[in-house]
Amino acid sequence: MSMSSEIVAELNTLMLYNVTNPQEGIKVHKDAEQSRIDAARRLHEKGLVTQADGGYLTNLGREAAEHLQMAHTILTSA
């Protein structure tokens, strides 16, 4: 099973968040790549972020981002 380009874009967008600081959000500007704009909107629709253009992580979003960053650390460590 492989991941769709949409899921990869959502994962990459989640990786932008600083999970150690819940008061630090992101803003996906209207001149960003369309795939990033669409990914942020889908993450909002799924309840992982507070705004369609980024915002802050919800509790579910923070949990997902923490797991994602942990997996990234494991896969990229030597």
C-alpha atoms as a PDB file:
ATOM      1  CA  MET A   1       0.000   0.000   0.000  1.00  0.00           C
ATOM      2  CA  SER A   2       1.332   3.416  -0.918  1.00  0.00           C
ATOM      3  CA  MET A   3       0.218   6.872   0.161  1.00  0.00           C
ATOM      4  CA  SER A   4      -1.581   9.216  -2.186  1.00  0.00           C
ATOM      5  CA  SER A   5      -0.056  12.565  -3.029  1.00  0.00           C
ATOM      6  CA  GLU A   6      -2.851  14.192  -0.998  1.00  0.00           C
ATOM      7  CA  ILE A   7      -1.915  12.265   2.149  1.00  0.00           C
ATOM      8  CA  VAL A   8       1.776  13.030   1.625  1.00  0.00           C
ATOM      9  CA  ALA A   9       0.922  16.742   1.349  1.00  0.00           C
ATOM     10  CA  GLU A  10      -1.090  16.537   4.579  1.00  0.00           C
ATOM     11  CA  LEU A  11       1.772  14.783   6.365  1.00  0.00           C
ATOM     12  CA  ASN A  12       4.250  17.377   5.126  1.00  0.00           C
ATOM     13  CA  THR A  13       1.951  20.141   6.351  1.00  0.00           C
ATOM     14  CA  LEU A  14       1.643  18.517   9.788  1.00  0.00           C
ATOM     15  CA  MET A  15       5.446  18.368   9.957  1.00  0.00           C
ATOM     16  CA  LEU A  16       5.516  22.189   9.865  1.00  0.00           C
ATOM     17  CA  TYR A  17       3.949  22.411  13.323  1.00  0.00           C
ATOM     18  CA  ASN A  18       6.045  22.751  16.470  1.00  0.00           C
ATOM     19  CA  VAL A  19       4.453  20.149  18.747  1.00  0.00           C
ATOM     20  CA  THR A  20       6.460  21.345  21.750  1.00  0.00           C
ATOM     21  CA  ASN A  21       4.711  24.746  21.699  1.00  0.00           C
ATOM     22  CA  PRO A  22       0.910  24.512  21.424  1.00  0.00           C
ATOM     23  CA  GLN A  23       0.648  28.302  21.071  1.00  0.00           C
ATOM     24  CA  GLU A  24       2.661  28.264  17.842  1.00  0.00           C
ATOM     25  CA  GLY A  25       0.539  27.760  14.743  1.00  0.00           C
ATOM     26  CA  ILE A  26       1.113  28.118  11.026  1.00  0.00           C
ATOM     27  CA  LYS A  27      -0.454  30.216   8.288  1.00  0.00           C
ATOM     28  CA  VAL A  28      -0.744  28.835   4.760  1.00  0.00           C
ATOM     29  CA  HIS A  29      -0.833  31.922   2.582  1.00  0.00           C
ATOM     30  CA  LYS A  30      -2.932  32.199  -0.572  1.00  0.00           C
ATOM     31  CA  ASP A  31       0.233  32.308  -2.691  1.00  0.00           C
ATOM     32  CA  ALA A  32       1.494  28.977  -1.308  1.00  0.00           C
ATOM     33  CA  GLU A  33       1.604  25.885  -3.512  1.00  0.00           C
ATOM     34  CA  GLN A  34      -1.924  24.712  -4.268  1.00  0.00           C
ATOM     35  CA  SER A  35      -1.149  21.289  -2.797  1.00  0.00           C
ATOM     36  CA  ARG A  36      -0.264  22.928   0.560  1.00  0.00           C
ATOM     37  CA  ILE A  37      -3.409  25.076   0.512  1.00  0.00           C
ATOM     38  CA  ASP A  38      -5.549  22.016  -0.226  1.00  0.00           C
ATOM     39  CA  ALA A  39      -3.753  19.948   2.430  1.00  0.00           C
ATOM     40  CA  ALA A  40      -4.411  22.571   5.115  1.00  0.00           C
ATOM     41  CA  ARG A  41      -8.090  22.679   4.141  1.00  0.00           C
ATOM     42  CA  ARG A  42      -8.373  18.876   4.344  1.00  0.00           C
ATOM     43  CA  LEU A  43      -6.617  18.812   7.734  1.00  0.00           C
ATOM     44  CA  HIS A  44      -9.174  21.349   8.959  1.00  0.00           C
ATOM     45  CA  GLU A  45     -12.058  19.288   7.570  1.00  0.00           C
ATOM     46  CA  LYS A  46     -10.651  16.252   9.403  1.00  0.00           C
ATOM     47  CA  GLY A  47     -10.478  18.200  12.679  1.00  0.00           C
ATOM     48  CA  LEU A  48      -6.691  18.220  12.992  1.00  0.00           C
ATOM     49  CA  VAL A  49      -6.188  22.000  12.731  1.00  0.00           C
ATOM     50  CA  THR A  50      -8.315  24.942  13.834  1.00  0.00           C
ATOM     51  CA  GLN A  51      -8.428  26.922  10.578  1.00  0.00           C
ATOM     52  CA  ALA A  52      -8.714  26.051   6.885  1.00  0.00           C
ATOM     53  CA  ASP A  53      -5.459  27.971   6.304  1.00  0.00           C
ATOM     54  CA  GLY A  54      -3.544  26.334   9.160  1.00  0.00           C
ATOM     55  CA  GLY A  55      -4.086  27.861  12.559  1.00  0.00           C
ATOM     56  CA  TYR A  56      -3.277  25.693  15.540  1.00  0.00           C
ATOM     57  CA  LEU A  57      -3.284  21.968  16.070  1.00  0.00           C
ATOM     58  CA  THR A  58      -6.350  20.510  17.757  1.00  0.00           C
ATOM     59  CA  ASN A  59      -5.818  17.809  20.395  1.00  0.00           C
ATOM     60  CA  LEU A  60      -6.232  15.171  17.684  1.00  0.00           C
ATOM     61  CA  GLY A  61      -3.895  17.089  15.395  1.00  0.00           C
ATOM     62  CA  ARG A  62      -1.234  17.385  18.072  1.00  0.00           C
ATOM     63  CA  GLU A  63      -1.392  13.639  18.716  1.00  0.00           C
ATOM     64  CA  ALA A  64      -1.103  12.908  14.990  1.00  0.00           C
ATOM     65  CA  ALA A  65       1.782  15.373  14.568  1.00  0.00           C
ATOM     66  CA  GLU A  66       3.631  13.924  17.571  1.00  0.00           C
ATOM     67  CA  HIS A  67       3.349  10.388  16.165  1.00  0.00           C
ATOM     68  CA  LEU A  68       4.375  11.609  12.719  1.00  0.00           C
ATOM     69  CA  GLN A  69       7.437  13.420  14.039  1.00  0.00           C
ATOM     70  CA  MET A  70       8.389  10.381  16.135  1.00  0.00           C
ATOM     71  CA  ALA A  71       8.142   8.137  13.058  1.00  0.00           C
ATOM     72  CA  HIS A  72      10.211  10.631  11.068  1.00  0.00           C
ATOM     73  CA  THR A  73      12.894  10.643  13.773  1.00  0.00           C
ATOM     74  CA  ILE A  74      13.021   6.843  13.843  1.00  0.00           C
ATOM     75  CA  LEU A  75      13.206   6.540  10.065  1.00  0.00           C
ATOM     76  CA  THR A  76      15.883   9.187   9.634  1.00  0.00           C
ATOM     77  CA  SER A  77      18.175   8.224  12.522  1.00  0.00           C
ATOM     78  CA  ALA A  78      21.397   6.431  11.699  1.00  0.00           C
END
